[in-house]
PDB file of N, CA and C in Angstrom:
ATOM      1  N   MET A   1      -3.461  16.532   2.132  1.00  0.00           N
ATOM      2  CA  MET A   1      -4.018  15.208   1.950  1.00  0.00           C
ATOM      3  C   MET A   1      -4.771  14.747   3.194  1.00  0.00           C
ATOM      4  N   LYS A   2      -4.289  15.131   4.347  1.00  0.00           N
ATOM      5  CA  LYS A   2      -4.954  14.699   5.572  1.00  0.00           C
ATOM      6  C   LYS A   2      -6.403  15.184   5.596  1.00  0.00           C
ATOM      7  N   ARG A   3      -6.628  16.410   5.135  1.00  0.00           N
ATOM      8  CA  ARG A   3      -7.987  16.952   5.105  1.00  0.00           C
ATOM      9  C   ARG A   3      -8.864  16.138   4.148  1.00  0.00           C
ATOM     10  N   ILE A   4      -8.304  15.726   3.032  1.00  0.00           N
ATOM     11  CA  ILE A   4      -9.059  14.897   2.080  1.00  0.00           C
ATOM     12  C   ILE A   4      -9.420  13.566   2.729  1.00  0.00           C
ATOM     13  N   ASP A   5      -8.459  12.963   3.429  1.00  0.00           N
ATOM     14  CA  ASP A   5      -8.731  11.704   4.127  1.00  0.00           C
ATOM     15  C   ASP A   5      -9.833  11.881   5.163  1.00  0.00           C
ATOM     16  N   ILE A   6      -9.775  12.968   5.911  1.00  0.00           N
ATOM     17  CA  ILE A   6     -10.785  13.227   6.939  1.00  0.00           C
ATOM     18  C   ILE A   6     -12.157  13.405   6.295  1.00  0.00           C
ATOM     19  N   ASN A   7     -12.211  14.178   5.215  1.00  0.00           N
ATOM     20  CA  ASN A   7     -13.490  14.388   4.525  1.00  0.00           C
ATOM     21  C   ASN A   7     -14.024  13.087   3.941  1.00  0.00           C
ATOM     22  N   ALA A   8     -13.140  12.283   3.373  1.00  0.00           N
ATOM     23  CA  ALA A   8     -13.572  11.014   2.782  1.00  0.00           C
ATOM     24  C   ALA A   8     -14.140  10.087   3.850  1.00  0.00           C
ATOM     25  N   THR A   9     -13.464   9.997   4.984  1.00  0.00           N
ATOM     26  CA  THR A   9     -13.973   9.123   6.042  1.00  0.00           C
ATOM     27  C   THR A   9     -15.286   9.662   6.608  1.00  0.00           C
ATOM     28  N   ALA A  10     -15.438  10.979   6.637  1.00  0.00           N
ATOM     29  CA  ALA A  10     -16.704  11.563   7.093  1.00  0.00           C
ATOM     30  C   ALA A  10     -17.843  11.202   6.142  1.00  0.00           C
ATOM     31  N   LEU A  11     -17.511  10.975   4.883  1.00  0.00           N
ATOM     32  CA  LEU A  11     -18.516  10.588   3.890  1.00  0.00           C
ATOM     33  C   LEU A  11     -18.714   9.078   3.813  1.00  0.00           C
ATOM     34  N   GLY A  12     -18.022   8.342   4.679  1.00  0.00           N
ATOM     35  CA  GLY A  12     -18.226   6.899   4.741  1.00  0.00           C
ATOM     36  C   GLY A  12     -17.202   6.059   4.007  1.00  0.00           C
ATOM     37  N   VAL A  13     -16.145   6.677   3.511  1.00  0.00           N
ATOM     38  CA  VAL A  13     -15.083   5.923   2.844  1.00  0.00           C
ATOM     39  C   VAL A  13     -14.052   5.551   3.909  1.00  0.00           C
ATOM     40  N   SER A  14     -13.785   4.272   4.064  1.00  0.00           N
ATOM     41  CA  SER A  14     -12.865   3.842   5.114  1.00  0.00           C
ATOM     42  C   SER A  14     -11.411   4.093   4.716  1.00  0.00           C
ATOM     43  N   VAL A  15     -10.552   4.102   5.706  1.00  0.00           N
ATOM     44  CA  VAL A  15      -9.116   4.261   5.460  1.00  0.00           C
ATOM     45  C   VAL A  15      -8.618   3.125   4.574  1.00  0.00           C
ATOM     46  N   LEU A  16      -9.118   1.919   4.796  1.00  0.00           N
ATOM     47  CA  LEU A  16      -8.696   0.782   3.969  1.00  0.00           C
ATOM     48  C   LEU A  16      -9.131   0.957   2.515  1.00  0.00           C
ATOM     49  N   GLN A  17     -10.308   1.520   2.294  1.00  0.00           N
ATOM     50  CA  GLN A  17     -10.754   1.782   0.922  1.00  0.00           C
ATOM     51  C   GLN A  17      -9.872   2.839   0.262  1.00  0.00           C
ATOM     52  N   LEU A  18      -9.496   3.858   1.030  1.00  0.00           N
ATOM     53  CA  LEU A  18      -8.587   4.874   0.497  1.00  0.00           C
ATOM     54  C   LEU A  18      -7.247   4.254   0.120  1.00  0.00           C
ATOM     55  N   MET A  19      -6.741   3.362   0.970  1.00  0.00           N
ATOM     56  CA  MET A  19      -5.467   2.688   0.684  1.00  0.00           C
ATOM     57  C   MET A  19      -5.565   1.838  -0.572  1.00  0.00           C
ATOM     58  N   GLU A  20      -6.644   1.096  -0.697  1.00  0.00           N
ATOM     59  CA  GLU A  20      -6.820   0.259  -1.889  1.00  0.00           C
ATOM     60  C   GLU A  20      -6.858   1.125  -3.144  1.00  0.00           C
ATOM     61  N   GLY A  21      -7.571   2.242  -3.075  1.00  0.00           N
ATOM     62  CA  GLY A  21      -7.639   3.142  -4.228  1.00  0.00           C
ATOM     63  C   GLY A  21      -6.281   3.705  -4.593  1.00  0.00           C
ATOM     64  N   ALA A  22      -5.532   4.136  -3.586  1.00  0.00           N
ATOM     65  CA  ALA A  22      -4.191   4.672  -3.836  1.00  0.00           C
ATOM     66  C   ALA A  22      -3.277   3.591  -4.403  1.00  0.00           C
ATOM     67  N   GLY A  23      -3.365   2.393  -3.846  1.00  0.00           N
ATOM     68  CA  GLY A  23      -2.536   1.287  -4.329  1.00  0.00           C
ATOM     69  C   GLY A  23      -2.844   0.918  -5.768  1.00  0.00           C
ATOM     70  N   HIS A  24      -4.127   0.889  -6.114  1.00  0.00           N
ATOM     71  CA  HIS A  24      -4.515   0.575  -7.495  1.00  0.00           C
ATOM     72  C   HIS A  24      -4.033   1.663  -8.453  1.00  0.00           C
ATOM     73  N   ALA A  25      -4.144   2.919  -8.031  1.00  0.00           N
ATOM     74  CA  ALA A  25      -3.695   4.021  -8.889  1.00  0.00           C
ATOM     75  C   ALA A  25      -2.189   3.942  -9.131  1.00  0.00           C
ATOM     76  N   LEU A  26      -1.429   3.719  -8.075  1.00  0.00           N
ATOM     77  CA  LEU A  26       0.024   3.636  -8.225  1.00  0.00           C
ATOM     78  C   LEU A  26       0.424   2.406  -9.041  1.00  0.00           C
ATOM     79  N   ALA A  27      -0.245   1.293  -8.818  1.00  0.00           N
ATOM     80  CA  ALA A  27       0.058   0.085  -9.595  1.00  0.00           C
ATOM     81  C   ALA A  27      -0.180   0.341 -11.083  1.00  0.00           C
ATOM     82  N   GLY A  28      -1.226   1.091 -11.401  1.00  0.00           N
ATOM     83  CA  GLY A  28      -1.497   1.424 -12.801  1.00  0.00           C
ATOM     84  C   GLY A  28      -0.379   2.227 -13.431  1.00  0.00           C
ATOM     85  N   VAL A  29       0.168   3.164 -12.686  1.00  0.00           N
ATOM     86  CA  VAL A  29       1.284   3.968 -13.197  1.00  0.00           C
ATOM     87  C   VAL A  29       2.522   3.091 -13.382  1.00  0.00           C
ATOM     88  N   ILE A  30       2.812   2.259 -12.408  1.00  0.00           N
ATOM     89  CA  ILE A  30       4.000   1.394 -12.483  1.00  0.00           C
ATOM     90  C   ILE A  30       3.885   0.420 -13.650  1.00  0.00           C
ATOM     91  N   ARG A  31       2.685  -0.097 -13.892  1.00  0.00           N
ATOM     92  CA  ARG A  31       2.489  -1.059 -14.991  1.00  0.00           C
ATOM     93  C   ARG A  31       2.862  -0.466 -16.347  1.00  0.00           C
ATOM     94  N   ARG A  32       2.715   0.833 -16.509  1.00  0.00           N
ATOM     95  CA  ARG A  32       3.063   1.473 -17.783  1.00  0.00           C
ATOM     96  C   ARG A  32       4.529   1.263 -18.149  1.00  0.00           C
ATOM     97  N   TYR A  33       5.370   1.094 -17.135  1.00  0.00           N
ATOM     98  CA  TYR A  33       6.806   0.933 -17.362  1.00  0.00           C
ATOM     99  C   TYR A  33       7.224  -0.526 -17.477  1.00  0.00           C
ATOM    100  N   ASN A  34       6.308  -1.436 -17.188  1.00  0.00           N
ATOM    101  CA  ASN A  34       6.546  -2.876 -17.309  1.00  0.00           C
ATOM    102  C   ASN A  34       7.877  -3.307 -16.671  1.00  0.00           C
ATOM    103  N   PRO A  35       8.088  -2.972 -15.401  1.00  0.00           N
ATOM    104  CA  PRO A  35       9.368  -3.320 -14.773  1.00  0.00           C
ATOM    105  C   PRO A  35       9.459  -4.815 -14.460  1.00  0.00           C
ATOM    106  N   ALA A  36      10.667  -5.333 -14.522  1.00  0.00           N
ATOM    107  CA  ALA A  36      10.890  -6.731 -14.156  1.00  0.00           C
ATOM    108  C   ALA A  36      11.043  -6.874 -12.646  1.00  0.00           C
ATOM    109  N   ARG A  37      11.627  -5.838 -12.016  1.00  0.00           N
ATOM    110  CA  ARG A  37      11.834  -5.858 -10.566  1.00  0.00           C
ATOM    111  C   ARG A  37      11.389  -4.523  -9.974  1.00  0.00           C
ATOM    112  N   ILE A  38      10.809  -4.604  -8.776  1.00  0.00           N
ATOM    113  CA  ILE A  38      10.339  -3.395  -8.095  1.00  0.00           C
ATOM    114  C   ILE A  38      10.737  -3.490  -6.627  1.00  0.00           C
ATOM    115  N   LEU A  39      11.286  -2.410  -6.109  1.00  0.00           N
ATOM    116  CA  LEU A  39      11.627  -2.318  -4.691  1.00  0.00           C
ATOM    117  C   LEU A  39      10.707  -1.297  -4.039  1.00  0.00           C
ATOM    118  N   PHE A  40      10.005  -1.712  -2.997  1.00  0.00           N
ATOM    119  CA  PHE A  40       9.151  -0.820  -2.222  1.00  0.00           C
ATOM    120  C   PHE A  40       9.807  -0.576  -0.870  1.00  0.00           C
ATOM    121  N   LEU A  41       9.910   0.677  -0.486  1.00  0.00           N
ATOM    122  CA  LEU A  41      10.400   1.074   0.832  1.00  0.00           C
ATOM    123  C   LEU A  41       9.232   1.763   1.525  1.00  0.00           C
ATOM    124  N   CYS A  42       8.691   1.129   2.547  1.00  0.00           N
ATOM    125  CA  CYS A  42       7.467   1.625   3.174  1.00  0.00           C
ATOM    126  C   CYS A  42       7.686   1.939   4.643  1.00  0.00           C
ATOM    127  N   GLY A  43       7.082   3.021   5.067  1.00  0.00           N
ATOM    128  CA  GLY A  43       7.103   3.385   6.473  1.00  0.00           C
ATOM    129  C   GLY A  43       5.977   2.694   7.215  1.00  0.00           C
ATOM    130  N   SER A  44       5.707   3.175   8.413  1.00  0.00           N
ATOM    131  CA  SER A  44       4.736   2.508   9.277  1.00  0.00           C
ATOM    132  C   SER A  44       3.385   3.213   9.336  1.00  0.00           C
ATOM    133  N   GLY A  45       3.217   4.249   8.537  1.00  0.00           N
ATOM    134  CA  GLY A  45       1.950   4.982   8.537  1.00  0.00           C
ATOM    135  C   GLY A  45       1.062   4.573   7.377  1.00  0.00           C
ATOM    136  N   ASN A  46       0.049   5.380   7.146  1.00  0.00           N
ATOM    137  CA  ASN A  46      -0.901   5.041   6.089  1.00  0.00           C
ATOM    138  C   ASN A  46      -0.290   5.114   4.695  1.00  0.00           C
ATOM    139  N   ASN A  47       0.689   5.992   4.480  1.00  0.00           N
ATOM    140  CA  ASN A  47       1.366   5.999   3.179  1.00  0.00           C
ATOM    141  C   ASN A  47       2.118   4.693   2.963  1.00  0.00           C
ATOM    142  N   GLY A  48       2.697   4.160   4.025  1.00  0.00           N
ATOM    143  CA  GLY A  48       3.340   2.854   3.939  1.00  0.00           C
ATOM    144  C   GLY A  48       2.332   1.777   3.573  1.00  0.00           C
ATOM    145  N   GLY A  49       1.132   1.898   4.121  1.00  0.00           N
ATOM    146  CA  GLY A  49       0.063   0.960   3.775  1.00  0.00           C
ATOM    147  C   GLY A  49      -0.300   1.040   2.302  1.00  0.00           C
ATOM    148  N   ASP A  50      -0.291   2.267   1.748  1.00  0.00           N
ATOM    149  CA  ASP A  50      -0.541   2.432   0.306  1.00  0.00           C
ATOM    150  C   ASP A  50       0.498   1.655  -0.495  1.00  0.00           C
ATOM    151  N   GLY A  51       1.756   1.770  -0.088  1.00  0.00           N
ATOM    152  CA  GLY A  51       2.830   1.057  -0.776  1.00  0.00           C
ATOM    153  C   GLY A  51       2.672  -0.447  -0.661  1.00  0.00           C
ATOM    154  N   MET A  52       2.226  -0.914   0.492  1.00  0.00           N
ATOM    155  CA  MET A  52       2.029  -2.351   0.685  1.00  0.00           C
ATOM    156  C   MET A  52       0.904  -2.877  -0.196  1.00  0.00           C
ATOM    157  N   VAL A  53      -0.150  -2.087  -0.361  1.00  0.00           N
ATOM    158  CA  VAL A  53      -1.227  -2.474  -1.281  1.00  0.00           C
ATOM    159  C   VAL A  53      -0.665  -2.604  -2.692  1.00  0.00           C
ATOM    160  N   THR A  54       0.127  -1.618  -3.101  1.00  0.00           N
ATOM    161  CA  THR A  54       0.708  -1.635  -4.442  1.00  0.00           C
ATOM    162  C   THR A  54       1.602  -2.854  -4.631  1.00  0.00           C
ATOM    163  N   ALA A  55       2.415  -3.152  -3.634  1.00  0.00           N
ATOM    164  CA  ALA A  55       3.291  -4.329  -3.706  1.00  0.00           C
ATOM    165  C   ALA A  55       2.467  -5.603  -3.851  1.00  0.00           C
ATOM    166  N   ARG A  56       1.394  -5.700  -3.097  1.00  0.00           N
ATOM    167  CA  ARG A  56       0.526  -6.882  -3.177  1.00  0.00           C
ATOM    168  C   ARG A  56      -0.086  -7.014  -4.565  1.00  0.00           C
ATOM    169  N   LEU A  57      -0.531  -5.900  -5.127  1.00  0.00           N
ATOM    170  CA  LEU A  57      -1.172  -5.939  -6.443  1.00  0.00           C
ATOM    171  C   LEU A  57      -0.209  -6.321  -7.560  1.00  0.00           C
ATOM    172  N   LEU A  58       1.060  -5.969  -7.393  1.00  0.00           N
ATOM    173  CA  LEU A  58       2.046  -6.233  -8.446  1.00  0.00           C
ATOM    174  C   LEU A  58       2.873  -7.494  -8.198  1.00  0.00           C
ATOM    175  N   ALA A  59       2.617  -8.174  -7.099  1.00  0.00           N
ATOM    176  CA  ALA A  59       3.448  -9.313  -6.699  1.00  0.00           C
ATOM    177  C   ALA A  59       3.491 -10.428  -7.735  1.00  0.00           C
ATOM    178  N   HIS A  60       2.447 -10.580  -8.512  1.00  0.00           N
ATOM    179  CA  HIS A  60       2.413 -11.666  -9.494  1.00  0.00           C
ATOM    180  C   HIS A  60       2.787 -11.195 -10.899  1.00  0.00           C
ATOM    181  N   GLU A  61       3.196  -9.931 -10.997  1.00  0.00           N
ATOM    182  CA  GLU A  61       3.556  -9.375 -12.302  1.00  0.00           C
ATOM    183  C   GLU A  61       5.037  -9.050 -12.425  1.00  0.00           C
ATOM    184  N   ALA A  62       5.723  -8.973 -11.295  1.00  0.00           N
ATOM    185  CA  ALA A  62       7.139  -8.599 -11.303  1.00  0.00           C
ATOM    186  C   ALA A  62       7.804  -9.214 -10.075  1.00  0.00           C
ATOM    187  N   ASP A  63       9.112  -9.139 -10.052  1.00  0.00           N
ATOM    188  CA  ASP A  63       9.874  -9.567  -8.880  1.00  0.00           C
ATOM    189  C   ASP A  63       9.820  -8.414  -7.875  1.00  0.00           C
ATOM    190  N   VAL A  64       8.974  -8.549  -6.862  1.00  0.00           N
ATOM    191  CA  VAL A  64       8.721  -7.469  -5.910  1.00  0.00           C
ATOM    192  C   VAL A  64       9.462  -7.733  -4.608  1.00  0.00           C
ATOM    193  N   THR A  65      10.179  -6.721  -4.153  1.00  0.00           N
ATOM    194  CA  THR A  65      10.826  -6.754  -2.845  1.00  0.00           C
ATOM    195  C   THR A  65      10.248  -5.618  -2.021  1.00  0.00           C
ATOM    196  N   LEU A  66       9.899  -5.922  -0.793  1.00  0.00           N
ATOM    197  CA  LEU A  66       9.319  -4.918   0.092  1.00  0.00           C
ATOM    198  C   LEU A  66      10.136  -4.843   1.370  1.00  0.00           C
ATOM    199  N   LEU A  67      10.588  -3.651   1.692  1.00  0.00           N
ATOM    200  CA  LEU A  67      11.228  -3.382   2.974  1.00  0.00           C
ATOM    201  C   LEU A  67      10.340  -2.389   3.699  1.00  0.00           C
ATOM    202  N   TYR A  68      10.031  -2.685   4.950  1.00  0.00           N
ATOM    203  CA  TYR A  68       9.188  -1.756   5.693  1.00  0.00           C
ATOM    204  C   TYR A  68       9.716  -1.570   7.100  1.00  0.00           C
ATOM    205  N   TYR A  69       9.413  -0.410   7.637  1.00  0.00           N
ATOM    206  CA  TYR A  69       9.778  -0.079   9.003  1.00  0.00           C
ATOM    207  C   TYR A  69       8.550  -0.306   9.865  1.00  0.00           C
ATOM    208  N   GLU A  70       8.643  -1.241  10.769  1.00  0.00           N
ATOM    209  CA  GLU A  70       7.487  -1.559  11.599  1.00  0.00           C
ATOM    210  C   GLU A  70       7.312  -0.534  12.711  1.00  0.00           C
ATOM    211  N   GLY A  71       8.355  -0.250  13.420  1.00  0.00           N
ATOM    212  CA  GLY A  71       8.276   0.747  14.481  1.00  0.00           C
ATOM    213  C   GLY A  71       7.234   0.427  15.535  1.00  0.00           C
ATOM    214  N   ARG A  72       7.174   1.268  16.519  1.00  0.00           N
ATOM    215  CA  ARG A  72       6.202   1.079  17.602  1.00  0.00           C
ATOM    216  C   ARG A  72       4.819   1.569  17.219  1.00  0.00           C
ATOM    217  N   ARG A  73       4.757   2.475  16.290  1.00  0.00           N
ATOM    218  CA  ARG A  73       3.495   3.141  15.999  1.00  0.00           C
ATOM    219  C   ARG A  73       2.959   2.814  14.612  1.00  0.00           C
ATOM    220  N   MET A  74       3.060   1.585  14.187  1.00  0.00           N
ATOM    221  CA  MET A  74       2.498   1.224  12.886  1.00  0.00           C
ATOM    222  C   MET A  74       0.987   1.437  12.951  1.00  0.00           C
ATOM    223  N   SER A  75       0.465   2.166  11.980  1.00  0.00           N
ATOM    224  CA  SER A  75      -0.971   2.432  11.989  1.00  0.00           C
ATOM    225  C   SER A  75      -1.736   1.119  11.849  1.00  0.00           C
ATOM    226  N   HIS A  76      -2.945   1.120  12.358  1.00  0.00           N
ATOM    227  CA  HIS A  76      -3.765  -0.091  12.307  1.00  0.00           C
ATOM    228  C   HIS A  76      -3.988  -0.529  10.857  1.00  0.00           C
ATOM    229  N   ALA A  77      -4.292   0.421   9.991  1.00  0.00           N
ATOM    230  CA  ALA A  77      -4.542   0.093   8.585  1.00  0.00           C
ATOM    231  C   ALA A  77      -3.280  -0.448   7.921  1.00  0.00           C
ATOM    232  N   CYS A  78      -2.138   0.128   8.241  1.00  0.00           N
ATOM    233  CA  CYS A  78      -0.870  -0.357   7.686  1.00  0.00           C
ATOM    234  C   CYS A  78      -0.599  -1.778   8.176  1.00  0.00           C
ATOM    235  N   ARG A  79      -0.882  -2.025   9.436  1.00  0.00           N
ATOM    236  CA  ARG A  79      -0.694  -3.366  10.003  1.00  0.00           C
ATOM    237  C   ARG A  79      -1.572  -4.388   9.267  1.00  0.00           C
ATOM    238  N   LEU A  80      -2.808  -4.004   8.954  1.00  0.00           N
ATOM    239  CA  LEU A  80      -3.699  -4.906   8.215  1.00  0.00           C
ATOM    240  C   LEU A  80      -3.164  -5.185   6.812  1.00  0.00           C
ATOM    241  N   GLN A  81      -2.597  -4.170   6.174  1.00  0.00           N
ATOM    242  CA  GLN A  81      -2.023  -4.373   4.839  1.00  0.00           C
ATOM    243  C   GLN A  81      -0.803  -5.289   4.909  1.00  0.00           C
ATOM    244  N   ARG A  82      -0.016  -5.141   5.960  1.00  0.00           N
ATOM    245  CA  ARG A  82       1.135  -6.029   6.141  1.00  0.00           C
ATOM    246  C   ARG A  82       0.664  -7.473   6.302  1.00  0.00           C
ATOM    247  N   GLU A  83      -0.401  -7.667   7.057  1.00  0.00           N
ATOM    248  CA  GLU A  83      -0.943  -9.016   7.238  1.00  0.00           C
ATOM    249  C   GLU A  83      -1.410  -9.596   5.902  1.00  0.00           C
ATOM    250  N   ALA A  84      -2.015  -8.775   5.064  1.00  0.00           N
ATOM    251  CA  ALA A  84      -2.458  -9.243   3.744  1.00  0.00           C
ATOM    252  C   ALA A  84      -1.262  -9.677   2.900  1.00  0.00           C
ATOM    253  N   LEU A  85      -0.139  -8.995   3.073  1.00  0.00           N
ATOM    254  CA  LEU A  85       1.065  -9.341   2.313  1.00  0.00           C
ATOM    255  C   LEU A  85       1.623 -10.706   2.696  1.00  0.00           C
ATOM    256  N   LEU A  86       1.340 -11.151   3.892  1.00  0.00           N
ATOM    257  CA  LEU A  86       1.839 -12.457   4.319  1.00  0.00           C
ATOM    258  C   LEU A  86       1.289 -13.583   3.445  1.00  0.00           C
ATOM    259  N   HIS A  87       0.212 -13.306   2.731  1.00  0.00           N
ATOM    260  CA  HIS A  87      -0.405 -14.310   1.867  1.00  0.00           C
ATOM    261  C   HIS A  87       0.042 -14.172   0.412  1.00  0.00           C
ATOM    262  N   CYS A  88       1.010 -13.305   0.167  1.00  0.00           N
ATOM    263  CA  CYS A  88       1.524 -13.092  -1.189  1.00  0.00           C
ATOM    264  C   CYS A  88       2.987 -13.507  -1.250  1.00  0.00           C
ATOM    265  N   ALA A  89       3.474 -13.631  -2.448  1.00  0.00           N
ATOM    266  CA  ALA A  89       4.877 -14.010  -2.648  1.00  0.00           C
ATOM    267  C   ALA A  89       5.759 -12.771  -2.719  1.00  0.00           C
ATOM    268  N   VAL A  90       5.660 -11.900  -1.737  1.00  0.00           N
ATOM    269  CA  VAL A  90       6.465 -10.668  -1.719  1.00  0.00           C
ATOM    270  C   VAL A  90       7.603 -10.857  -0.746  1.00  0.00           C
TER     271      VAL A  90
END
């Protein structure tokens, strides 16, 4: 996956755009199950950022709980996604 990310960014797709795409894709899969409650466990890297995007997208459709590990090395993109979550009811 790292090689795909590198190639995508070389073609002008930003890390944030990749995260949004991953979050939308995962949210679509989760919506098929129509859950009432969802728990997200996210790390501090870009995969954690993907989870945070998904949590944000589903925040108004289900009871969403998000636990994340901030750590010392939270990626910049993950940090931006966390900031976006501050404006949601997660």
